[in-house]
Amino acid sequence: MEGIKELIEEINSRKPKNYEKMNIEEISDELHRVMEFEQIVLKKLKLFEDDHQEPDLIQYAKMIYKKIIERETLLIQETYLKKIDSQYLNSKN
């Protein structure tokens, strides 16, 4: 049970960064980091499920990880697209 609680704390500690201040390459790297984090969390949750540990706590961890990863991914995508549009449109002028 302690492992699940630690994972929940790790998930909750993720805060979005200021993507607006990043260049496109940095934003791309951030997206990769978010996707890697998501894979790690999914693997850990699967192990907890396989060990039949605290199903309610596992469900809670799944819920918060989905919301946090979704929020981060959407922010990154939005910023990334704005920057690409901005740079592309500026380079055409």
PDB file of N, CA and C in Angstrom:
ATOM      1  N   MET A   1       0.823  -1.198   0.000  1.00  0.00           N
ATOM      2  CA  MET A   1       0.000   0.000   0.000  1.00  0.00           C
ATOM      3  C   MET A   1       0.864   1.258   0.000  1.00  0.00           C
ATOM      4  N   GLU A   2       2.013   1.189   0.643  1.00  0.00           N
ATOM      5  CA  GLU A   2       2.896   2.358   0.707  1.00  0.00           C
ATOM      6  C   GLU A   2       3.374   2.756  -0.687  1.00  0.00           C
ATOM      7  N   GLY A   3       3.627   1.752  -1.546  1.00  0.00           N
ATOM      8  CA  GLY A   3       4.067   2.032  -2.913  1.00  0.00           C
ATOM      9  C   GLY A   3       3.018   2.803  -3.701  1.00  0.00           C
ATOM     10  N   ILE A   4       1.771   2.451  -3.514  1.00  0.00           N
ATOM     11  CA  ILE A   4       0.685   3.141  -4.213  1.00  0.00           C
ATOM     12  C   ILE A   4       0.590   4.583  -3.721  1.00  0.00           C
ATOM     13  N   LYS A   5       0.707   4.772  -2.422  1.00  0.00           N
ATOM     14  CA  LYS A   5       0.645   6.127  -1.869  1.00  0.00           C
ATOM     15  C   LYS A   5       1.795   6.986  -2.395  1.00  0.00           C
ATOM     16  N   GLU A   6       2.981   6.390  -2.489  1.00  0.00           N
ATOM     17  CA  GLU A   6       4.126   7.127  -3.020  1.00  0.00           C
ATOM     18  C   GLU A   6       3.897   7.502  -4.477  1.00  0.00           C
ATOM     19  N   LEU A   7       3.318   6.585  -5.234  1.00  0.00           N
ATOM     20  CA  LEU A   7       3.021   6.858  -6.636  1.00  0.00           C
ATOM     21  C   LEU A   7       1.999   7.991  -6.749  1.00  0.00           C
ATOM     22  N   ILE A   8       0.985   7.975  -5.911  1.00  0.00           N
ATOM     23  CA  ILE A   8      -0.019   9.043  -5.919  1.00  0.00           C
ATOM     24  C   ILE A   8       0.629  10.377  -5.595  1.00  0.00           C
ATOM     25  N   GLU A   9       1.530  10.398  -4.630  1.00  0.00           N
ATOM     26  CA  GLU A   9       2.237  11.636  -4.294  1.00  0.00           C
ATOM     27  C   GLU A   9       3.086  12.111  -5.472  1.00  0.00           C
ATOM     28  N   GLU A  10       3.733  11.170  -6.145  1.00  0.00           N
ATOM     29  CA  GLU A  10       4.555  11.514  -7.307  1.00  0.00           C
ATOM     30  C   GLU A  10       3.687  12.105  -8.422  1.00  0.00           C
ATOM     31  N   ILE A  11       2.544  11.508  -8.646  1.00  0.00           N
ATOM     32  CA  ILE A  11       1.623  12.006  -9.676  1.00  0.00           C
ATOM     33  C   ILE A  11       1.134  13.406  -9.303  1.00  0.00           C
ATOM     34  N   ASN A  12       0.711  13.566  -8.059  1.00  0.00           N
ATOM     35  CA  ASN A  12       0.192  14.863  -7.608  1.00  0.00           C
ATOM     36  C   ASN A  12       1.246  15.958  -7.597  1.00  0.00           C
ATOM     37  N   SER A  13       2.503  15.583  -7.510  1.00  0.00           N
ATOM     38  CA  SER A  13       3.559  16.592  -7.439  1.00  0.00           C
ATOM     39  C   SER A  13       3.897  17.182  -8.805  1.00  0.00           C
ATOM     40  N   ARG A  14       3.381  16.592  -9.858  1.00  0.00           N
ATOM     41  CA  ARG A  14       3.654  17.115 -11.208  1.00  0.00           C
ATOM     42  C   ARG A  14       2.918  18.429 -11.406  1.00  0.00           C
ATOM     43  N   LYS A  15       3.649  19.416 -11.770  1.00  0.00           N
ATOM     44  CA  LYS A  15       3.076  20.730 -12.059  1.00  0.00           C
ATOM     45  C   LYS A  15       3.445  21.112 -13.483  1.00  0.00           C
ATOM     46  N   PRO A  16       2.493  21.678 -14.224  1.00  0.00           N
ATOM     47  CA  PRO A  16       2.824  22.105 -15.584  1.00  0.00           C
ATOM     48  C   PRO A  16       3.878  23.210 -15.551  1.00  0.00           C
ATOM     49  N   LYS A  17       4.704  23.198 -16.548  1.00  0.00           N
ATOM     50  CA  LYS A  17       5.741  24.216 -16.661  1.00  0.00           C
ATOM     51  C   LYS A  17       5.218  25.356 -17.518  1.00  0.00           C
ATOM     52  N   ASN A  18       5.990  26.409 -17.586  1.00  0.00           N
ATOM     53  CA  ASN A  18       5.611  27.542 -18.426  1.00  0.00           C
ATOM     54  C   ASN A  18       6.077  27.258 -19.850  1.00  0.00           C
ATOM     55  N   TYR A  19       5.245  26.568 -20.597  1.00  0.00           N
ATOM     56  CA  TYR A  19       5.595  26.137 -21.946  1.00  0.00           C
ATOM     57  C   TYR A  19       5.723  27.321 -22.903  1.00  0.00           C
ATOM     58  N   GLU A  20       5.042  28.402 -22.595  1.00  0.00           N
ATOM     59  CA  GLU A  20       5.094  29.592 -23.454  1.00  0.00           C
ATOM     60  C   GLU A  20       6.515  30.140 -23.570  1.00  0.00           C
ATOM     61  N   LYS A  21       7.303  29.954 -22.523  1.00  0.00           N
ATOM     62  CA  LYS A  21       8.668  30.477 -22.517  1.00  0.00           C
ATOM     63  C   LYS A  21       9.667  29.527 -23.180  1.00  0.00           C
ATOM     64  N   MET A  22       9.199  28.354 -23.552  1.00  0.00           N
ATOM     65  CA  MET A  22      10.086  27.352 -24.149  1.00  0.00           C
ATOM     66  C   MET A  22      10.077  27.456 -25.664  1.00  0.00           C
ATOM     67  N   ASN A  23      11.173  27.025 -26.265  1.00  0.00           N
ATOM     68  CA  ASN A  23      11.179  26.948 -27.726  1.00  0.00           C
ATOM     69  C   ASN A  23      10.569  25.611 -28.143  1.00  0.00           C
ATOM     70  N   ILE A  24      10.388  25.430 -29.429  1.00  0.00           N
ATOM     71  CA  ILE A  24       9.693  24.246 -29.935  1.00  0.00           C
ATOM     72  C   ILE A  24      10.415  22.958 -29.539  1.00  0.00           C
ATOM     73  N   GLU A  25      11.729  22.958 -29.596  1.00  0.00           N
ATOM     74  CA  GLU A  25      12.490  21.759 -29.237  1.00  0.00           C
ATOM     75  C   GLU A  25      12.294  21.406 -27.763  1.00  0.00           C
ATOM     76  N   GLU A  26      12.294  22.403 -26.901  1.00  0.00           N
ATOM     77  CA  GLU A  26      12.087  22.164 -25.472  1.00  0.00           C
ATOM     78  C   GLU A  26      10.682  21.627 -25.207  1.00  0.00           C
ATOM     79  N   ILE A  27       9.709  22.168 -25.912  1.00  0.00           N
ATOM     80  CA  ILE A  27       8.331  21.707 -25.756  1.00  0.00           C
ATOM     81  C   ILE A  27       8.214  20.253 -26.216  1.00  0.00           C
ATOM     82  N   SER A  28       8.867  19.944 -27.301  1.00  0.00           N
ATOM     83  CA  SER A  28       8.864  18.569 -27.798  1.00  0.00           C
ATOM     84  C   SER A  28       9.489  17.626 -26.767  1.00  0.00           C
ATOM     85  N   ASP A  29      10.591  18.043 -26.165  1.00  0.00           N
ATOM     86  CA  ASP A  29      11.230  17.236 -25.117  1.00  0.00           C
ATOM     87  C   ASP A  29      10.290  17.036 -23.931  1.00  0.00           C
ATOM     88  N   GLU A  30       9.566  18.077 -23.568  1.00  0.00           N
ATOM     89  CA  GLU A  30       8.616  17.984 -22.456  1.00  0.00           C
ATOM     90  C   GLU A  30       7.515  16.975 -22.767  1.00  0.00           C
ATOM     91  N   LEU A  31       7.043  16.987 -23.996  1.00  0.00           N
ATOM     92  CA  LEU A  31       6.010  16.025 -24.383  1.00  0.00           C
ATOM     93  C   LEU A  31       6.544  14.597 -24.257  1.00  0.00           C
ATOM     94  N   HIS A  32       7.773  14.395 -24.669  1.00  0.00           N
ATOM     95  CA  HIS A  32       8.392  13.068 -24.523  1.00  0.00           C
ATOM     96  C   HIS A  32       8.496  12.670 -23.055  1.00  0.00           C
ATOM     97  N   ARG A  33       8.871  13.614 -22.200  1.00  0.00           N
ATOM     98  CA  ARG A  33       8.984  13.326 -20.765  1.00  0.00           C
ATOM     99  C   ARG A  33       7.616  12.965 -20.167  1.00  0.00           C
ATOM    100  N   VAL A  34       6.586  13.670 -20.589  1.00  0.00           N
ATOM    101  CA  VAL A  34       5.234  13.374 -20.095  1.00  0.00           C
ATOM    102  C   VAL A  34       4.818  11.972 -20.533  1.00  0.00           C
ATOM    103  N   MET A  35       5.101  11.630 -21.773  1.00  0.00           N
ATOM    104  CA  MET A  35       4.737  10.301 -22.277  1.00  0.00           C
ATOM    105  C   MET A  35       5.533   9.212 -21.551  1.00  0.00           C
ATOM    106  N   GLU A  36       6.806   9.454 -21.264  1.00  0.00           N
ATOM    107  CA  GLU A  36       7.603   8.487 -20.505  1.00  0.00           C
ATOM    108  C   GLU A  36       7.048   8.321 -19.089  1.00  0.00           C
ATOM    109  N   PHE A  37       6.693   9.447 -18.468  1.00  0.00           N
ATOM    110  CA  PHE A  37       6.110   9.393 -17.131  1.00  0.00           C
ATOM    111  C   PHE A  37       4.822   8.572 -17.152  1.00  0.00           C
ATOM    112  N   GLU A  38       4.005   8.785 -18.152  1.00  0.00           N
ATOM    113  CA  GLU A  38       2.756   8.047 -18.282  1.00  0.00           C
ATOM    114  C   GLU A  38       3.024   6.540 -18.381  1.00  0.00           C
ATOM    115  N   GLN A  39       4.005   6.157 -19.172  1.00  0.00           N
ATOM    116  CA  GLN A  39       4.341   4.735 -19.322  1.00  0.00           C
ATOM    117  C   GLN A  39       4.827   4.133 -18.000  1.00  0.00           C
ATOM    118  N   ILE A  40       5.645   4.882 -17.277  1.00  0.00           N
ATOM    119  CA  ILE A  40       6.150   4.406 -15.989  1.00  0.00           C
ATOM    120  C   ILE A  40       5.000   4.214 -15.009  1.00  0.00           C
ATOM    121  N   VAL A  41       4.099   5.193 -14.956  1.00  0.00           N
ATOM    122  CA  VAL A  41       2.947   5.106 -14.047  1.00  0.00           C
ATOM    123  C   VAL A  41       2.078   3.901 -14.407  1.00  0.00           C
ATOM    124  N   LEU A  42       1.828   3.717 -15.686  1.00  0.00           N
ATOM    125  CA  LEU A  42       0.998   2.581 -16.108  1.00  0.00           C
ATOM    126  C   LEU A  42       1.634   1.248 -15.721  1.00  0.00           C
ATOM    127  N   LYS A  43       2.941   1.137 -15.888  1.00  0.00           N
ATOM    128  CA  LYS A  43       3.631  -0.100 -15.508  1.00  0.00           C
ATOM    129  C   LYS A  43       3.514  -0.348 -14.002  1.00  0.00           C
ATOM    130  N   LYS A  44       3.715   0.704 -13.212  1.00  0.00           N
ATOM    131  CA  LYS A  44       3.618   0.554 -11.761  1.00  0.00           C
ATOM    132  C   LYS A  44       2.201   0.169 -11.345  1.00  0.00           C
ATOM    133  N   LEU A  45       1.217   0.808 -11.939  1.00  0.00           N
ATOM    134  CA  LEU A  45      -0.169   0.487 -11.612  1.00  0.00           C
ATOM    135  C   LEU A  45      -0.501  -0.959 -11.979  1.00  0.00           C
ATOM    136  N   LYS A  46       0.021  -1.410 -13.097  1.00  0.00           N
ATOM    137  CA  LYS A  46      -0.208  -2.794 -13.523  1.00  0.00           C
ATOM    138  C   LYS A  46       0.394  -3.767 -12.509  1.00  0.00           C
ATOM    139  N   LEU A  47       1.592  -3.447 -12.016  1.00  0.00           N
ATOM    140  CA  LEU A  47       2.221  -4.299 -10.999  1.00  0.00           C
ATOM    141  C   LEU A  47       1.389  -4.333  -9.728  1.00  0.00           C
ATOM    142  N   PHE A  48       0.881  -3.179  -9.317  1.00  0.00           N
ATOM    143  CA  PHE A  48       0.038  -3.132  -8.123  1.00  0.00           C
ATOM    144  C   PHE A  48      -1.227  -3.956  -8.325  1.00  0.00           C
ATOM    145  N   GLU A  49      -1.808  -3.858  -9.522  1.00  0.00           N
ATOM    146  CA  GLU A  49      -3.013  -4.643  -9.824  1.00  0.00           C
ATOM    147  C   GLU A  49      -2.703  -6.139  -9.811  1.00  0.00           C
ATOM    148  N   ASP A  50      -1.578  -6.506 -10.406  1.00  0.00           N
ATOM    149  CA  ASP A  50      -1.194  -7.918 -10.451  1.00  0.00           C
ATOM    150  C   ASP A  50      -0.976  -8.484  -9.051  1.00  0.00           C
ATOM    151  N   ASP A  51      -0.524  -7.628  -8.124  1.00  0.00           N
ATOM    152  CA  ASP A  51      -0.313  -8.051  -6.738  1.00  0.00           C
ATOM    153  C   ASP A  51      -1.596  -7.960  -5.910  1.00  0.00           C
ATOM    154  N   HIS A  52      -2.692  -7.552  -6.564  1.00  0.00           N
ATOM    155  CA  HIS A  52      -3.998  -7.412  -5.904  1.00  0.00           C
ATOM    156  C   HIS A  52      -3.937  -6.486  -4.695  1.00  0.00           C
ATOM    157  N   GLN A  53      -3.255  -5.362  -4.880  1.00  0.00           N
ATOM    158  CA  GLN A  53      -3.120  -4.389  -3.796  1.00  0.00           C
ATOM    159  C   GLN A  53      -4.201  -3.320  -3.902  1.00  0.00           C
ATOM    160  N   GLU A  54      -4.848  -3.021  -2.818  1.00  0.00           N
ATOM    161  CA  GLU A  54      -5.746  -1.876  -2.655  1.00  0.00           C
ATOM    162  C   GLU A  54      -6.432  -1.403  -3.948  1.00  0.00           C
ATOM    163  N   PRO A  55      -7.436  -2.121  -4.443  1.00  0.00           N
ATOM    164  CA  PRO A  55      -8.079  -1.747  -5.706  1.00  0.00           C
ATOM    165  C   PRO A  55      -8.662  -0.324  -5.715  1.00  0.00           C
ATOM    166  N   ASP A  56      -9.195   0.131  -4.587  1.00  0.00           N
ATOM    167  CA  ASP A  56      -9.766   1.476  -4.547  1.00  0.00           C
ATOM    168  C   ASP A  56      -8.679   2.538  -4.702  1.00  0.00           C
ATOM    169  N   LEU A  57      -7.554   2.306  -4.064  1.00  0.00           N
ATOM    170  CA  LEU A  57      -6.436   3.236  -4.158  1.00  0.00           C
ATOM    171  C   LEU A  57      -5.840   3.224  -5.565  1.00  0.00           C
ATOM    172  N   ILE A  58      -5.811   2.068  -6.185  1.00  0.00           N
ATOM    173  CA  ILE A  58      -5.328   1.959  -7.568  1.00  0.00           C
ATOM    174  C   ILE A  58      -6.257   2.728  -8.502  1.00  0.00           C
ATOM    175  N   GLN A  59      -7.561   2.592  -8.306  1.00  0.00           N
ATOM    176  CA  GLN A  59      -8.528   3.337  -9.132  1.00  0.00           C
ATOM    177  C   GLN A  59      -8.344   4.842  -8.962  1.00  0.00           C
ATOM    178  N   TYR A  60      -8.117   5.261  -7.736  1.00  0.00           N
ATOM    179  CA  TYR A  60      -7.889   6.684  -7.462  1.00  0.00           C
ATOM    180  C   TYR A  60      -6.623   7.149  -8.187  1.00  0.00           C
ATOM    181  N   ALA A  61      -5.547   6.364  -8.107  1.00  0.00           N
ATOM    182  CA  ALA A  61      -4.297   6.716  -8.782  1.00  0.00           C
ATOM    183  C   ALA A  61      -4.510   6.816 -10.285  1.00  0.00           C
ATOM    184  N   LYS A  62      -5.270   5.896 -10.853  1.00  0.00           N
ATOM    185  CA  LYS A  62      -5.568   5.935 -12.292  1.00  0.00           C
ATOM    186  C   LYS A  62      -6.321   7.204 -12.655  1.00  0.00           C
ATOM    187  N   MET A  63      -7.282   7.559 -11.843  1.00  0.00           N
ATOM    188  CA  MET A  63      -8.093   8.741 -12.115  1.00  0.00           C
ATOM    189  C   MET A  63      -7.240  10.006 -12.109  1.00  0.00           C
ATOM    190  N   ILE A  64      -6.411  10.161 -11.074  1.00  0.00           N
ATOM    191  CA  ILE A  64      -5.632  11.401 -11.005  1.00  0.00           C
ATOM    192  C   ILE A  64      -4.532  11.426 -12.052  1.00  0.00           C
ATOM    193  N   TYR A  65      -3.936  10.287 -12.354  1.00  0.00           N
ATOM    194  CA  TYR A  65      -2.875  10.294 -13.365  1.00  0.00           C
ATOM    195  C   TYR A  65      -3.457  10.670 -14.726  1.00  0.00           C
ATOM    196  N   LYS A  66      -4.638  10.140 -15.050  1.00  0.00           N
ATOM    197  CA  LYS A  66      -5.259  10.478 -16.332  1.00  0.00           C
ATOM    198  C   LYS A  66      -5.543  11.970 -16.438  1.00  0.00           C
ATOM    199  N   LYS A  67      -6.079  12.546 -15.376  1.00  0.00           N
ATOM    200  CA  LYS A  67      -6.401  13.971 -15.399  1.00  0.00           C
ATOM    201  C   LYS A  67      -5.144  14.829 -15.511  1.00  0.00           C
ATOM    202  N   ILE A  68      -4.114  14.482 -14.766  1.00  0.00           N
ATOM    203  CA  ILE A  68      -2.892  15.279 -14.767  1.00  0.00           C
ATOM    204  C   ILE A  68      -2.155  15.134 -16.089  1.00  0.00           C
ATOM    205  N   ILE A  69      -2.036  13.922 -16.591  1.00  0.00           N
ATOM    206  CA  ILE A  69      -1.352  13.702 -17.871  1.00  0.00           C
ATOM    207  C   ILE A  69      -2.133  14.371 -19.001  1.00  0.00           C
ATOM    208  N   GLU A  70      -3.446  14.261 -18.963  1.00  0.00           N
ATOM    209  CA  GLU A  70      -4.280  14.889 -19.990  1.00  0.00           C
ATOM    210  C   GLU A  70      -4.104  16.404 -19.971  1.00  0.00           C
ATOM    211  N   ARG A  71      -4.123  16.998 -18.780  1.00  0.00           N
ATOM    212  CA  ARG A  71      -3.958  18.444 -18.647  1.00  0.00           C
ATOM    213  C   ARG A  71      -2.595  18.887 -19.196  1.00  0.00           C
ATOM    214  N   GLU A  72      -1.551  18.177 -18.796  1.00  0.00           N
ATOM    215  CA  GLU A  72      -0.214  18.532 -19.248  1.00  0.00           C
ATOM    216  C   GLU A  72      -0.078  18.383 -20.760  1.00  0.00           C
ATOM    217  N   THR A  73      -0.582  17.287 -21.286  1.00  0.00           N
ATOM    218  CA  THR A  73      -0.492  17.029 -22.714  1.00  0.00           C
ATOM    219  C   THR A  73      -1.243  18.093 -23.509  1.00  0.00           C
ATOM    220  N   LEU A  74      -2.420  18.457 -23.055  1.00  0.00           N
ATOM    221  CA  LEU A  74      -3.192  19.483 -23.754  1.00  0.00           C
ATOM    222  C   LEU A  74      -2.485  20.841 -23.735  1.00  0.00           C
ATOM    223  N   LEU A  75      -1.910  21.198 -22.593  1.00  0.00           N
ATOM    224  CA  LEU A  75      -1.167  22.454 -22.514  1.00  0.00           C
ATOM    225  C   LEU A  75       0.026  22.457 -23.458  1.00  0.00           C
ATOM    226  N   ILE A  76       0.733  21.350 -23.492  1.00  0.00           N
ATOM    227  CA  ILE A  76       1.895  21.241 -24.381  1.00  0.00           C
ATOM    228  C   ILE A  76       1.456  21.335 -25.835  1.00  0.00           C
ATOM    229  N   GLN A  77       0.431  20.584 -26.201  1.00  0.00           N
ATOM    230  CA  GLN A  77      -0.052  20.597 -27.582  1.00  0.00           C
ATOM    231  C   GLN A  77      -0.504  21.987 -27.998  1.00  0.00           C
ATOM    232  N   GLU A  78      -1.262  22.639 -27.144  1.00  0.00           N
ATOM    233  CA  GLU A  78      -1.765  23.967 -27.453  1.00  0.00           C
ATOM    234  C   GLU A  78      -0.610  24.945 -27.680  1.00  0.00           C
ATOM    235  N   THR A  79       0.349  24.926 -26.794  1.00  0.00           N
ATOM    236  CA  THR A  79       1.492  25.830 -26.904  1.00  0.00           C
ATOM    237  C   THR A  79       2.327  25.490 -28.127  1.00  0.00           C
ATOM    238  N   TYR A  80       2.543  24.223 -28.348  1.00  0.00           N
ATOM    239  CA  TYR A  80       3.332  23.760 -29.487  1.00  0.00           C
ATOM    240  C   TYR A  80       2.714  24.238 -30.796  1.00  0.00           C
ATOM    241  N   LEU A  81       1.407  24.046 -30.927  1.00  0.00           N
ATOM    242  CA  LEU A  81       0.726  24.468 -32.158  1.00  0.00           C
ATOM    243  C   LEU A  81       0.764  25.981 -32.340  1.00  0.00           C
ATOM    244  N   LYS A  82       0.587  26.724 -31.266  1.00  0.00           N
ATOM    245  CA  LYS A  82       0.669  28.181 -31.351  1.00  0.00           C
ATOM    246  C   LYS A  82       2.045  28.618 -31.835  1.00  0.00           C
ATOM    247  N   LYS A  83       3.070  28.007 -31.286  1.00  0.00           N
ATOM    248  CA  LYS A  83       4.434  28.384 -31.652  1.00  0.00           C
ATOM    249  C   LYS A  83       4.739  28.014 -33.097  1.00  0.00           C
ATOM    250  N   ILE A  84       4.295  26.860 -33.522  1.00  0.00           N
ATOM    251  CA  ILE A  84       4.516  26.457 -34.913  1.00  0.00           C
ATOM    252  C   ILE A  84       3.779  27.408 -35.848  1.00  0.00           C
ATOM    253  N   ASP A  85       2.508  27.700 -35.539  1.00  0.00           N
ATOM    254  CA  ASP A  85       1.738  28.635 -36.355  1.00  0.00           C
ATOM    255  C   ASP A  85       2.419  29.997 -36.399  1.00  0.00           C
ATOM    256  N   SER A  86       2.827  30.465 -35.253  1.00  0.00           N
ATOM    257  CA  SER A  86       3.463  31.768 -35.150  1.00  0.00           C
ATOM    258  C   SER A  86       4.754  31.820 -35.961  1.00  0.00           C
ATOM    259  N   GLN A  87       5.583  30.815 -35.802  1.00  0.00           N
ATOM    260  CA  GLN A  87       6.850  30.803 -36.525  1.00  0.00           C
ATOM    261  C   GLN A  87       6.635  30.608 -38.012  1.00  0.00           C
ATOM    262  N   TYR A  88       5.693  29.768 -38.376  1.00  0.00           N
ATOM    263  CA  TYR A  88       5.422  29.523 -39.784  1.00  0.00           C
ATOM    264  C   TYR A  88       4.839  30.767 -40.445  1.00  0.00           C
ATOM    265  N   LEU A  89       3.861  31.380 -39.766  1.00  0.00           N
ATOM    266  CA  LEU A  89       3.247  32.584 -40.331  1.00  0.00           C
ATOM    267  C   LEU A  89       4.234  33.735 -40.388  1.00  0.00           C
ATOM    268  N   ASN A  90       5.066  33.870 -39.380  1.00  0.00           N
ATOM    269  CA  ASN A  90       6.076  34.936 -39.380  1.00  0.00           C
ATOM    270  C   ASN A  90       7.122  34.737 -40.444  1.00  0.00           C
ATOM    271  N   SER A  91       7.452  33.486 -40.741  1.00  0.00           N
ATOM    272  CA  SER A  91       8.478  33.235 -41.757  1.00  0.00           C
ATOM    273  C   SER A  91       7.931  33.439 -43.167  1.00  0.00           C
ATOM    274  N   LYS A  92       6.612  33.378 -43.333  1.00  0.00           N
ATOM    275  CA  LYS A  92       6.008  33.586 -44.664  1.00  0.00           C
ATOM    276  C   LYS A  92       5.904  35.065 -45.002  1.00  0.00           C
ATOM    277  N   ASN A  93       5.926  35.908 -43.986  1.00  0.00           N
ATOM    278  CA  ASN A  93       5.764  37.363 -44.218  1.00  0.00           C
ATOM    279  C   ASN A  93       7.073  38.002 -44.602  1.00  0.00           C
TER     280      ASN A  93
END
